[in-house]
């Protein structure tokens, strides 16, 4: 009787562990492939050559919008919405909601992005604007996704969900190892090596 109870309990946990293990692996599969690949590119960034591509634009703010630009603003206030909308529609420059640096003569908006950088500066008196975009290529883009650099709130949420899912995948895998480890003598030495090796490298070779 006790053996039957133990077997049912084991079957119950195996069923649920397998279920959560494959569900979590399916959810985080693409993310794990992306982060593994970008881990290699980040670790070998010095060996991957890329030439930044710089493009520039210049333009003139419509006279009707100049009074909005010339109004007194807080030092780090964003651009007025009407000006940000004009930049997006006429110049394909997305500056809405970004912190701007206001001085007596001009307003400067930094527009960092994954894999590149950009900025726009507008003369407050004349409305003359200059825009510069630097693109560092796809490798830099995916490296910045890995680091969560300048990726916005939605990607930050994705990273949190991915991290939780990866934890579920790892923990359920460890539990499955525990339940099947008795029949595989090499299981725990391999687990121990996976734990001890990074620690030894950090102690011996990282100063």
N, C-alpha and C. Protein backbone atom coordinates (compact mmCIF):
# COMPACT_ATOMS: atom_id res chain seq x y z
N UNK A 1 0.82 -1.21 0.00
CA UNK A 1 0.00 0.00 0.00
C UNK A 1 0.86 1.26 0.00
N UNK A 2 1.88 1.28 0.89
CA UNK A 2 2.74 2.44 0.94
C UNK A 2 3.50 2.63 -0.38
N UNK A 3 3.87 1.51 -0.98
CA UNK A 3 4.57 1.59 -2.27
C UNK A 3 3.67 2.20 -3.34
N UNK A 4 2.38 1.85 -3.32
CA UNK A 4 1.44 2.42 -4.28
C UNK A 4 1.27 3.92 -4.07
N UNK A 5 1.18 4.33 -2.80
CA UNK A 5 1.04 5.76 -2.48
C UNK A 5 2.26 6.53 -2.95
N UNK A 6 3.45 5.97 -2.67
CA UNK A 6 4.69 6.63 -3.09
C UNK A 6 4.78 6.72 -4.61
N UNK A 7 4.35 5.65 -5.30
CA UNK A 7 4.39 5.66 -6.75
C UNK A 7 3.43 6.69 -7.33
N UNK A 8 2.22 6.79 -6.73
CA UNK A 8 1.26 7.80 -7.19
C UNK A 8 1.79 9.21 -6.97
N UNK A 9 2.42 9.43 -5.82
CA UNK A 9 2.98 10.74 -5.52
C UNK A 9 4.09 11.08 -6.51
N UNK A 10 4.95 10.10 -6.79
CA UNK A 10 6.04 10.32 -7.75
C UNK A 10 5.46 10.63 -9.14
N UNK A 11 4.43 9.87 -9.56
CA UNK A 11 3.82 10.09 -10.87
C UNK A 11 3.18 11.48 -10.95
N UNK A 12 2.56 11.90 -9.83
CA UNK A 12 1.95 13.24 -9.79
C UNK A 12 2.99 14.32 -10.03
N UNK A 13 4.10 14.26 -9.29
CA UNK A 13 5.13 15.28 -9.43
C UNK A 13 5.82 15.22 -10.78
N UNK A 14 6.08 14.01 -11.27
CA UNK A 14 6.70 13.89 -12.59
C UNK A 14 5.82 14.50 -13.67
N UNK A 15 4.52 14.23 -13.58
CA UNK A 15 3.58 14.76 -14.58
C UNK A 15 3.63 16.27 -14.61
N UNK A 16 3.57 16.91 -13.43
CA UNK A 16 3.55 18.37 -13.38
C UNK A 16 4.90 18.99 -13.69
N UNK A 17 5.96 18.34 -13.24
CA UNK A 17 7.29 18.87 -13.55
C UNK A 17 7.56 18.82 -15.05
N UNK A 18 7.22 17.70 -15.70
CA UNK A 18 7.40 17.61 -17.15
C UNK A 18 6.57 18.68 -17.86
N UNK A 19 5.34 18.87 -17.37
CA UNK A 19 4.47 19.84 -18.02
C UNK A 19 5.06 21.26 -17.94
N UNK A 20 5.47 21.68 -16.73
CA UNK A 20 6.03 23.02 -16.58
C UNK A 20 7.38 23.14 -17.25
N UNK A 21 8.12 22.03 -17.31
CA UNK A 21 9.44 22.08 -17.95
C UNK A 21 9.29 22.32 -19.45
N UNK A 22 8.39 21.60 -20.11
CA UNK A 22 8.28 21.78 -21.56
C UNK A 22 7.55 23.08 -21.90
N UNK A 23 6.60 23.50 -21.08
CA UNK A 23 5.93 24.78 -21.33
C UNK A 23 6.92 25.94 -21.22
N UNK A 24 7.71 25.93 -20.14
CA UNK A 24 8.69 27.02 -19.95
C UNK A 24 9.76 26.99 -21.03
N UNK A 25 10.17 25.78 -21.45
CA UNK A 25 11.18 25.70 -22.51
C UNK A 25 10.63 26.22 -23.83
N UNK A 26 9.36 25.95 -24.10
CA UNK A 26 8.76 26.45 -25.35
C UNK A 26 8.66 27.96 -25.33
N UNK A 27 8.30 28.54 -24.17
CA UNK A 27 8.15 29.99 -24.08
C UNK A 27 9.48 30.71 -24.21
N UNK A 28 10.52 30.16 -23.57
CA UNK A 28 11.79 30.91 -23.55
C UNK A 28 12.80 30.40 -24.57
N UNK A 29 12.39 29.49 -25.48
CA UNK A 29 13.34 28.91 -26.44
C UNK A 29 14.02 29.98 -27.29
N UNK A 30 13.22 30.83 -27.95
CA UNK A 30 13.80 31.84 -28.84
C UNK A 30 14.65 32.82 -28.04
N UNK A 31 14.16 33.20 -26.86
CA UNK A 31 14.93 34.11 -26.02
C UNK A 31 16.26 33.51 -25.60
N UNK A 32 16.27 32.22 -25.25
CA UNK A 32 17.51 31.58 -24.85
C UNK A 32 18.50 31.48 -26.01
N UNK A 33 17.99 31.19 -27.21
CA UNK A 33 18.86 31.17 -28.38
C UNK A 33 19.45 32.55 -28.65
N UNK A 34 18.60 33.59 -28.53
CA UNK A 34 19.06 34.96 -28.74
C UNK A 34 20.12 35.35 -27.73
N UNK A 35 19.87 35.05 -26.45
CA UNK A 35 20.81 35.45 -25.42
C UNK A 35 22.09 34.63 -25.46
N UNK A 36 22.01 33.38 -25.86
CA UNK A 36 23.23 32.57 -26.01
C UNK A 36 24.08 33.10 -27.16
N UNK A 37 23.44 33.44 -28.28
CA UNK A 37 24.18 33.95 -29.44
C UNK A 37 24.80 35.31 -29.14
N UNK A 38 24.02 36.19 -28.51
CA UNK A 38 24.56 37.52 -28.21
C UNK A 38 25.57 37.46 -27.07
N UNK A 39 25.50 36.42 -26.22
CA UNK A 39 26.56 36.23 -25.24
C UNK A 39 27.91 36.01 -25.93
N UNK A 40 27.89 35.23 -27.02
CA UNK A 40 29.12 35.02 -27.80
C UNK A 40 29.60 36.30 -28.46
N UNK A 41 28.66 37.05 -29.07
CA UNK A 41 29.07 38.28 -29.76
C UNK A 41 29.56 39.33 -28.78
N UNK A 42 28.95 39.41 -27.59
CA UNK A 42 29.42 40.36 -26.58
C UNK A 42 30.80 39.98 -26.05
N UNK A 43 30.99 38.68 -25.82
CA UNK A 43 32.26 38.23 -25.27
C UNK A 43 33.40 38.37 -26.28
N UNK A 44 33.06 38.41 -27.56
CA UNK A 44 34.09 38.53 -28.62
C UNK A 44 33.90 39.81 -29.42
N UNK A 45 33.40 40.85 -28.76
CA UNK A 45 33.11 42.10 -29.46
C UNK A 45 34.34 42.70 -30.12
N UNK A 46 35.51 42.50 -29.50
CA UNK A 46 36.74 43.05 -30.06
C UNK A 46 37.15 42.42 -31.37
N UNK A 47 36.63 41.22 -31.66
CA UNK A 47 36.99 40.52 -32.90
C UNK A 47 35.95 40.72 -34.00
N UNK A 48 34.86 41.40 -33.69
CA UNK A 48 33.80 41.62 -34.68
C UNK A 48 33.86 43.07 -35.14
N UNK A 49 34.29 43.27 -36.36
CA UNK A 49 34.44 44.63 -36.87
C UNK A 49 33.12 45.14 -37.44
N UNK A 50 32.87 46.41 -37.18
CA UNK A 50 31.68 47.04 -37.75
C UNK A 50 31.97 48.52 -37.96
N UNK A 51 31.54 49.03 -39.09
CA UNK A 51 31.73 50.43 -39.41
C UNK A 51 30.44 51.19 -39.16
N UNK A 52 30.43 52.13 -38.20
CA UNK A 52 29.21 52.91 -37.97
C UNK A 52 28.81 53.69 -39.22
N UNK A 53 27.51 53.73 -39.47
CA UNK A 53 26.98 54.49 -40.60
C UNK A 53 26.28 55.73 -40.04
N UNK A 54 26.74 56.90 -40.47
CA UNK A 54 26.21 58.16 -39.95
C UNK A 54 25.39 58.85 -41.05
N UNK A 55 24.17 59.20 -40.72
CA UNK A 55 23.33 59.96 -41.65
C UNK A 55 22.85 61.23 -40.97
N UNK A 56 22.69 62.29 -41.76
CA UNK A 56 22.32 63.59 -41.21
C UNK A 56 21.14 64.19 -41.96
N UNK A 57 20.38 64.97 -41.24
CA UNK A 57 19.27 65.73 -41.83
C UNK A 57 19.30 67.14 -41.28
N UNK A 58 18.82 68.06 -42.07
CA UNK A 58 18.62 69.43 -41.58
C UNK A 58 17.26 69.90 -42.07
N UNK A 59 16.70 70.86 -41.39
CA UNK A 59 15.37 71.34 -41.76
C UNK A 59 15.05 72.65 -41.09
N UNK A 60 13.82 73.06 -41.28
CA UNK A 60 13.35 74.34 -40.76
C UNK A 60 11.97 74.15 -40.13
N UNK A 61 11.86 74.50 -38.87
CA UNK A 61 10.58 74.42 -38.19
C UNK A 61 9.63 75.47 -38.77
N UNK A 62 8.37 75.13 -39.03
CA UNK A 62 7.41 76.13 -39.55
C UNK A 62 7.29 77.33 -38.61
N UNK A 63 7.09 78.50 -39.18
CA UNK A 63 7.01 79.73 -38.39
C UNK A 63 5.89 79.68 -37.35
N UNK A 64 4.79 78.99 -37.69
CA UNK A 64 3.68 78.91 -36.75
C UNK A 64 4.06 78.19 -35.45
N UNK A 65 5.09 77.35 -35.51
CA UNK A 65 5.50 76.60 -34.33
C UNK A 65 6.58 77.29 -33.52
N UNK A 66 7.18 78.34 -34.08
CA UNK A 66 8.28 79.00 -33.38
C UNK A 66 7.88 79.56 -32.02
N UNK A 67 6.69 80.20 -31.88
CA UNK A 67 6.32 80.70 -30.54
C UNK A 67 6.32 79.61 -29.47
N UNK A 68 5.92 78.38 -29.83
CA UNK A 68 5.93 77.29 -28.85
C UNK A 68 7.36 76.94 -28.46
N UNK A 69 8.28 77.08 -29.40
CA UNK A 69 9.68 76.77 -29.13
C UNK A 69 10.32 77.86 -28.27
N UNK A 70 9.82 79.08 -28.42
CA UNK A 70 10.43 80.22 -27.72
C UNK A 70 9.85 80.46 -26.33
N UNK A 71 8.78 79.75 -25.98
CA UNK A 71 8.22 79.88 -24.64
C UNK A 71 9.20 79.35 -23.60
N UNK A 72 9.11 79.92 -22.41
CA UNK A 72 9.98 79.49 -21.34
C UNK A 72 9.65 78.04 -20.96
N UNK A 73 10.69 77.22 -20.82
CA UNK A 73 10.51 75.80 -20.51
C UNK A 73 11.40 75.40 -19.34
N UNK A 74 10.97 74.38 -18.62
CA UNK A 74 11.85 73.80 -17.59
C UNK A 74 13.08 73.21 -18.27
N UNK A 75 14.16 73.11 -17.54
CA UNK A 75 15.45 72.72 -18.11
C UNK A 75 15.41 71.38 -18.83
N UNK A 76 14.67 70.41 -18.29
CA UNK A 76 14.62 69.07 -18.89
C UNK A 76 13.22 68.70 -19.38
N UNK A 77 12.42 69.68 -19.72
CA UNK A 77 11.07 69.42 -20.22
C UNK A 77 11.13 68.81 -21.62
N UNK A 78 10.20 67.91 -21.96
CA UNK A 78 10.17 67.38 -23.33
C UNK A 78 9.72 68.45 -24.32
N UNK A 79 9.92 68.16 -25.59
CA UNK A 79 9.44 69.08 -26.63
C UNK A 79 7.92 69.20 -26.55
N UNK A 80 7.36 70.38 -26.83
CA UNK A 80 5.90 70.49 -26.92
C UNK A 80 5.35 69.47 -27.93
N UNK A 81 4.20 68.90 -27.62
CA UNK A 81 3.65 67.82 -28.44
C UNK A 81 3.50 68.22 -29.90
N UNK A 82 3.07 69.46 -30.16
CA UNK A 82 2.85 69.88 -31.55
C UNK A 82 4.16 69.87 -32.33
N UNK A 83 5.27 70.22 -31.66
CA UNK A 83 6.57 70.21 -32.33
C UNK A 83 7.05 68.77 -32.53
N UNK A 84 6.86 67.93 -31.51
CA UNK A 84 7.24 66.52 -31.64
C UNK A 84 6.44 65.83 -32.75
N UNK A 85 5.15 66.17 -32.86
CA UNK A 85 4.32 65.58 -33.92
C UNK A 85 4.80 66.04 -35.30
N UNK A 86 5.19 67.31 -35.42
CA UNK A 86 5.68 67.81 -36.71
C UNK A 86 6.99 67.10 -37.09
N UNK A 87 7.88 66.93 -36.12
CA UNK A 87 9.14 66.23 -36.40
C UNK A 87 8.89 64.80 -36.87
N UNK A 88 7.92 64.13 -36.23
CA UNK A 88 7.62 62.75 -36.61
C UNK A 88 7.02 62.68 -38.01
N UNK A 89 6.11 63.60 -38.33
CA UNK A 89 5.43 63.55 -39.62
C UNK A 89 6.27 64.08 -40.77
N UNK A 90 6.98 65.18 -40.55
CA UNK A 90 7.71 65.83 -41.64
C UNK A 90 9.14 65.34 -41.79
N UNK A 91 9.77 64.92 -40.69
CA UNK A 91 11.19 64.56 -40.73
C UNK A 91 11.46 63.11 -40.32
N UNK A 92 10.39 62.37 -39.94
CA UNK A 92 10.55 60.98 -39.47
C UNK A 92 11.52 60.90 -38.29
N UNK A 93 11.41 61.88 -37.39
CA UNK A 93 12.23 61.92 -36.19
C UNK A 93 11.30 61.74 -34.99
N UNK A 94 11.45 60.64 -34.26
CA UNK A 94 10.58 60.34 -33.12
C UNK A 94 11.21 60.90 -31.85
N UNK A 95 10.78 62.10 -31.48
CA UNK A 95 11.35 62.77 -30.31
C UNK A 95 10.31 63.01 -29.22
N UNK A 96 9.10 62.55 -29.41
CA UNK A 96 8.03 62.78 -28.45
C UNK A 96 8.28 62.09 -27.12
N UNK A 97 8.06 62.80 -26.03
CA UNK A 97 8.20 62.23 -24.70
C UNK A 97 9.63 62.11 -24.21
N UNK A 98 10.60 62.46 -25.04
CA UNK A 98 12.00 62.37 -24.63
C UNK A 98 12.40 63.61 -23.83
N UNK A 99 13.29 63.42 -22.87
CA UNK A 99 13.82 64.54 -22.12
C UNK A 99 14.65 65.43 -23.03
N UNK A 100 14.40 66.72 -22.99
CA UNK A 100 15.13 67.68 -23.82
C UNK A 100 15.97 68.60 -22.93
N UNK A 101 17.08 69.07 -23.47
CA UNK A 101 17.93 70.01 -22.75
C UNK A 101 17.71 71.40 -23.36
N UNK A 102 17.14 72.28 -22.56
CA UNK A 102 16.80 73.62 -23.03
C UNK A 102 17.86 74.62 -22.56
N UNK A 103 18.37 75.40 -23.50
CA UNK A 103 19.24 76.52 -23.17
C UNK A 103 18.61 77.79 -23.75
N UNK A 104 19.25 78.91 -23.56
CA UNK A 104 18.69 80.16 -24.09
C UNK A 104 18.66 80.16 -25.62
N UNK A 105 19.59 79.45 -26.25
CA UNK A 105 19.74 79.51 -27.70
C UNK A 105 19.12 78.33 -28.44
N UNK A 106 19.12 77.15 -27.82
CA UNK A 106 18.69 75.97 -28.55
C UNK A 106 18.10 74.93 -27.62
N UNK A 107 17.48 73.91 -28.23
CA UNK A 107 16.99 72.76 -27.48
C UNK A 107 17.60 71.52 -28.10
N UNK A 108 18.13 70.65 -27.23
CA UNK A 108 18.84 69.46 -27.68
C UNK A 108 18.11 68.24 -27.14
N UNK A 109 17.85 67.26 -28.03
CA UNK A 109 17.18 66.03 -27.62
C UNK A 109 18.06 64.85 -28.00
N UNK A 110 18.45 64.07 -27.00
CA UNK A 110 19.22 62.85 -27.25
C UNK A 110 18.25 61.71 -27.55
N UNK A 111 18.56 60.93 -28.61
CA UNK A 111 17.66 59.86 -29.06
C UNK A 111 18.41 58.54 -29.17
N UNK A 112 18.94 58.02 -28.05
CA UNK A 112 19.65 56.73 -28.12
C UNK A 112 18.69 55.61 -28.46
N UNK A 113 19.23 54.56 -29.08
CA UNK A 113 18.44 53.41 -29.50
C UNK A 113 19.32 52.17 -29.53
N UNK A 114 18.72 50.98 -29.55
CA UNK A 114 19.56 49.77 -29.67
C UNK A 114 20.35 49.79 -30.97
N UNK A 115 21.63 49.53 -30.86
CA UNK A 115 22.47 49.46 -32.05
C UNK A 115 22.84 50.80 -32.65
N UNK A 116 22.59 51.88 -31.94
CA UNK A 116 22.93 53.17 -32.51
C UNK A 116 22.64 54.32 -31.56
N UNK A 117 22.75 55.50 -32.12
CA UNK A 117 22.53 56.71 -31.34
C UNK A 117 22.03 57.80 -32.29
N UNK A 118 21.36 58.78 -31.74
CA UNK A 118 20.86 59.88 -32.57
C UNK A 118 20.63 61.09 -31.68
N UNK A 119 20.55 62.25 -32.30
CA UNK A 119 20.21 63.46 -31.58
C UNK A 119 19.64 64.48 -32.56
N UNK A 120 18.88 65.41 -32.03
CA UNK A 120 18.37 66.53 -32.82
C UNK A 120 18.54 67.80 -32.00
N UNK A 121 18.96 68.86 -32.64
CA UNK A 121 19.13 70.15 -31.99
C UNK A 121 18.38 71.20 -32.81
N UNK A 122 17.62 72.05 -32.14
CA UNK A 122 16.79 73.05 -32.81
C UNK A 122 17.14 74.42 -32.26
N UNK A 123 17.42 75.36 -33.16
CA UNK A 123 17.67 76.75 -32.76
C UNK A 123 16.35 77.39 -32.34
N UNK A 124 16.27 77.92 -31.14
CA UNK A 124 15.01 78.42 -30.61
C UNK A 124 14.59 79.73 -31.26
N UNK A 125 15.52 80.44 -31.83
CA UNK A 125 15.19 81.72 -32.46
C UNK A 125 14.75 81.53 -33.91
N UNK A 126 15.52 80.79 -34.67
CA UNK A 126 15.25 80.66 -36.10
C UNK A 126 14.43 79.41 -36.46
N UNK A 127 14.46 78.38 -35.60
CA UNK A 127 13.77 77.13 -35.92
C UNK A 127 14.57 76.20 -36.80
N UNK A 128 15.82 76.54 -37.10
CA UNK A 128 16.68 75.65 -37.88
C UNK A 128 17.03 74.42 -37.03
N UNK A 129 16.92 73.24 -37.64
CA UNK A 129 17.20 72.02 -36.88
C UNK A 129 18.22 71.16 -37.62
N UNK A 130 18.99 70.42 -36.84
CA UNK A 130 19.95 69.46 -37.37
C UNK A 130 19.78 68.13 -36.64
N UNK A 131 19.82 67.07 -37.41
CA UNK A 131 19.59 65.72 -36.88
C UNK A 131 20.71 64.82 -37.36
N UNK A 132 21.20 63.97 -36.45
CA UNK A 132 22.25 63.02 -36.81
C UNK A 132 21.91 61.65 -36.24
N UNK A 133 22.04 60.62 -37.07
CA UNK A 133 21.77 59.23 -36.69
C UNK A 133 23.01 58.39 -36.95
N UNK A 134 23.44 57.64 -35.94
CA UNK A 134 24.56 56.72 -36.06
C UNK A 134 24.05 55.30 -35.87
N UNK A 135 24.27 54.44 -36.86
CA UNK A 135 23.86 53.04 -36.80
C UNK A 135 25.10 52.15 -36.81
N UNK A 136 25.15 51.23 -35.84
CA UNK A 136 26.35 50.39 -35.68
C UNK A 136 26.13 48.96 -36.15
N UNK A 137 25.03 48.67 -36.80
CA UNK A 137 24.83 47.36 -37.39
C UNK A 137 23.99 46.43 -36.53
N UNK A 138 23.65 45.26 -37.14
CA UNK A 138 22.76 44.30 -36.50
C UNK A 138 23.38 43.64 -35.28
N UNK A 139 24.68 43.39 -35.31
CA UNK A 139 25.32 42.76 -34.15
C UNK A 139 25.20 43.67 -32.94
N UNK A 140 25.47 44.95 -33.13
CA UNK A 140 25.34 45.91 -32.04
C UNK A 140 23.89 46.01 -31.58
N UNK A 141 22.97 45.93 -32.53
CA UNK A 141 21.54 45.99 -32.18
C UNK A 141 21.15 44.85 -31.25
N UNK A 142 21.53 43.62 -31.62
CA UNK A 142 21.16 42.47 -30.79
C UNK A 142 21.95 42.45 -29.48
N UNK A 143 23.17 42.96 -29.48
CA UNK A 143 23.92 43.08 -28.22
C UNK A 143 23.21 44.02 -27.25
N UNK A 144 22.67 45.12 -27.77
CA UNK A 144 21.94 46.05 -26.91
C UNK A 144 20.64 45.44 -26.41
N UNK A 145 19.99 44.61 -27.23
CA UNK A 145 18.82 43.89 -26.74
C UNK A 145 19.20 42.98 -25.57
N UNK A 146 20.35 42.32 -25.69
CA UNK A 146 20.83 41.45 -24.61
C UNK A 146 21.00 42.24 -23.31
N UNK A 147 21.55 43.45 -23.42
CA UNK A 147 21.82 44.26 -22.23
C UNK A 147 20.61 45.09 -21.79
N UNK A 148 19.56 45.13 -22.62
CA UNK A 148 18.42 45.98 -22.30
C UNK A 148 18.76 47.45 -22.40
N UNK A 149 19.69 47.81 -23.26
CA UNK A 149 20.17 49.19 -23.38
C UNK A 149 19.28 49.98 -24.33
N UNK A 150 18.66 51.02 -23.80
CA UNK A 150 17.84 51.93 -24.62
C UNK A 150 16.75 51.18 -25.38
N UNK A 151 16.11 50.21 -24.74
CA UNK A 151 15.14 49.37 -25.42
C UNK A 151 13.69 49.67 -25.06
N UNK A 152 13.46 50.50 -24.05
CA UNK A 152 12.09 50.87 -23.72
C UNK A 152 11.43 49.93 -22.72
N UNK A 153 10.23 50.33 -22.31
CA UNK A 153 9.52 49.63 -21.25
C UNK A 153 9.05 48.24 -21.67
N UNK A 154 8.54 48.11 -22.91
CA UNK A 154 8.00 46.83 -23.36
C UNK A 154 9.09 45.74 -23.34
N UNK A 155 10.29 46.08 -23.83
CA UNK A 155 11.38 45.10 -23.82
C UNK A 155 11.82 44.79 -22.40
N UNK A 156 11.77 45.78 -21.51
CA UNK A 156 12.09 45.54 -20.10
C UNK A 156 11.13 44.53 -19.50
N UNK A 157 9.85 44.65 -19.81
CA UNK A 157 8.87 43.67 -19.34
C UNK A 157 9.16 42.29 -19.90
N UNK A 158 9.49 42.25 -21.20
CA UNK A 158 9.82 40.95 -21.81
C UNK A 158 10.99 40.30 -21.10
N UNK A 159 12.02 41.08 -20.77
CA UNK A 159 13.18 40.52 -20.08
C UNK A 159 12.79 39.94 -18.72
N UNK A 160 11.89 40.63 -18.02
CA UNK A 160 11.44 40.11 -16.73
C UNK A 160 10.69 38.79 -16.89
N UNK A 161 9.78 38.74 -17.88
CA UNK A 161 9.01 37.52 -18.11
C UNK A 161 9.93 36.39 -18.56
N UNK A 162 10.87 36.72 -19.44
CA UNK A 162 11.83 35.71 -19.91
C UNK A 162 12.66 35.17 -18.75
N UNK A 163 13.11 36.05 -17.86
CA UNK A 163 13.93 35.62 -16.73
C UNK A 163 13.15 34.68 -15.81
N UNK A 164 11.89 35.03 -15.54
CA UNK A 164 11.06 34.16 -14.69
C UNK A 164 10.85 32.81 -15.35
N UNK A 165 10.57 32.82 -16.66
CA UNK A 165 10.35 31.57 -17.38
C UNK A 165 11.61 30.71 -17.40
N UNK A 166 12.77 31.36 -17.58
CA UNK A 166 14.03 30.61 -17.57
C UNK A 166 14.30 30.01 -16.19
N UNK A 167 13.91 30.72 -15.13
CA UNK A 167 14.05 30.17 -13.78
C UNK A 167 13.16 28.93 -13.60
N UNK A 168 11.93 29.02 -14.11
CA UNK A 168 11.03 27.87 -14.03
C UNK A 168 11.63 26.69 -14.78
N UNK A 169 12.16 26.95 -15.97
CA UNK A 169 12.78 25.90 -16.79
C UNK A 169 13.95 25.25 -16.04
N UNK A 170 14.79 26.08 -15.43
CA UNK A 170 15.98 25.56 -14.74
C UNK A 170 15.60 24.79 -13.47
N UNK A 171 14.68 25.33 -12.70
CA UNK A 171 14.30 24.69 -11.43
C UNK A 171 13.58 23.37 -11.68
N UNK A 172 12.66 23.35 -12.65
CA UNK A 172 11.98 22.09 -12.96
C UNK A 172 12.96 21.07 -13.53
N UNK A 173 13.94 21.54 -14.29
CA UNK A 173 14.98 20.62 -14.78
C UNK A 173 15.78 20.03 -13.64
N UNK A 174 16.11 20.86 -12.63
CA UNK A 174 16.84 20.36 -11.48
C UNK A 174 16.01 19.33 -10.71
N UNK A 175 14.71 19.60 -10.58
CA UNK A 175 13.84 18.66 -9.87
C UNK A 175 13.74 17.34 -10.63
N UNK A 176 13.68 17.41 -11.96
CA UNK A 176 13.65 16.18 -12.76
C UNK A 176 14.97 15.41 -12.63
N UNK A 177 16.08 16.14 -12.57
CA UNK A 177 17.36 15.48 -12.33
C UNK A 177 17.34 14.74 -11.01
N UNK A 178 16.78 15.38 -9.99
CA UNK A 178 16.72 14.76 -8.67
C UNK A 178 15.89 13.47 -8.70
N UNK A 179 14.79 13.50 -9.43
CA UNK A 179 13.89 12.35 -9.45
C UNK A 179 14.44 11.20 -10.30
N UNK A 180 15.28 11.54 -11.29
CA UNK A 180 15.83 10.49 -12.15
C UNK A 180 17.31 10.20 -11.86
N UNK A 181 17.90 11.00 -10.96
CA UNK A 181 19.35 10.92 -10.76
C UNK A 181 19.84 9.60 -10.21
N UNK A 182 19.00 8.90 -9.49
CA UNK A 182 19.46 7.65 -8.87
C UNK A 182 19.85 6.61 -9.91
N UNK A 183 19.27 6.68 -11.09
CA UNK A 183 19.60 5.71 -12.13
C UNK A 183 20.68 6.18 -13.07
N UNK A 184 21.21 7.39 -12.85
CA UNK A 184 22.25 7.95 -13.71
C UNK A 184 23.39 8.46 -12.82
N UNK A 185 24.40 7.64 -12.58
CA UNK A 185 25.48 8.00 -11.63
C UNK A 185 26.22 9.28 -11.99
N UNK A 186 26.25 9.64 -13.28
CA UNK A 186 27.02 10.83 -13.67
C UNK A 186 26.27 12.13 -13.43
N UNK A 187 25.00 12.06 -13.03
CA UNK A 187 24.18 13.26 -12.92
C UNK A 187 24.77 14.29 -11.97
N UNK A 188 24.97 13.91 -10.71
CA UNK A 188 25.38 14.89 -9.71
C UNK A 188 26.82 15.34 -9.84
N UNK A 189 27.76 14.50 -10.29
CA UNK A 189 29.09 15.04 -10.59
C UNK A 189 29.06 16.12 -11.67
N UNK A 190 28.22 15.92 -12.68
CA UNK A 190 28.11 16.93 -13.73
C UNK A 190 27.47 18.21 -13.19
N UNK A 191 26.44 18.08 -12.37
CA UNK A 191 25.82 19.26 -11.76
C UNK A 191 26.83 20.00 -10.89
N UNK A 192 27.59 19.25 -10.10
CA UNK A 192 28.60 19.86 -9.23
C UNK A 192 29.66 20.59 -10.05
N UNK A 193 30.09 19.96 -11.16
CA UNK A 193 31.08 20.60 -12.02
C UNK A 193 30.53 21.92 -12.58
N UNK A 194 29.25 21.91 -12.98
CA UNK A 194 28.64 23.12 -13.51
C UNK A 194 28.56 24.23 -12.48
N UNK A 195 28.49 23.87 -11.20
CA UNK A 195 28.45 24.87 -10.14
C UNK A 195 29.84 25.33 -9.74
N UNK A 196 30.77 24.38 -9.66
CA UNK A 196 32.10 24.69 -9.13
C UNK A 196 32.99 25.36 -10.16
N UNK A 197 32.88 24.97 -11.44
CA UNK A 197 33.78 25.50 -12.46
C UNK A 197 33.72 27.02 -12.58
N UNK A 198 32.52 27.64 -12.70
CA UNK A 198 32.50 29.11 -12.75
C UNK A 198 33.08 29.75 -11.50
N UNK A 199 32.82 29.14 -10.33
CA UNK A 199 33.35 29.68 -9.08
C UNK A 199 34.87 29.65 -9.07
N UNK A 200 35.46 28.53 -9.51
CA UNK A 200 36.92 28.42 -9.54
C UNK A 200 37.53 29.43 -10.51
N UNK A 201 36.93 29.57 -11.67
CA UNK A 201 37.45 30.54 -12.65
C UNK A 201 37.41 31.95 -12.09
N UNK A 202 36.29 32.29 -11.39
CA UNK A 202 36.16 33.62 -10.81
C UNK A 202 37.21 33.85 -9.73
N UNK A 203 37.47 32.83 -8.90
CA UNK A 203 38.43 32.97 -7.80
C UNK A 203 39.87 33.02 -8.32
N UNK A 204 40.19 32.16 -9.28
CA UNK A 204 41.57 32.01 -9.71
C UNK A 204 42.01 33.00 -10.80
N UNK A 205 41.07 33.37 -11.68
CA UNK A 205 41.48 34.12 -12.86
C UNK A 205 40.89 35.52 -12.99
N UNK A 206 39.93 35.86 -12.14
CA UNK A 206 39.33 37.21 -12.23
C UNK A 206 39.82 38.02 -11.02
N UNK A 207 40.52 39.11 -11.30
CA UNK A 207 41.08 39.93 -10.22
C UNK A 207 40.60 41.36 -10.41
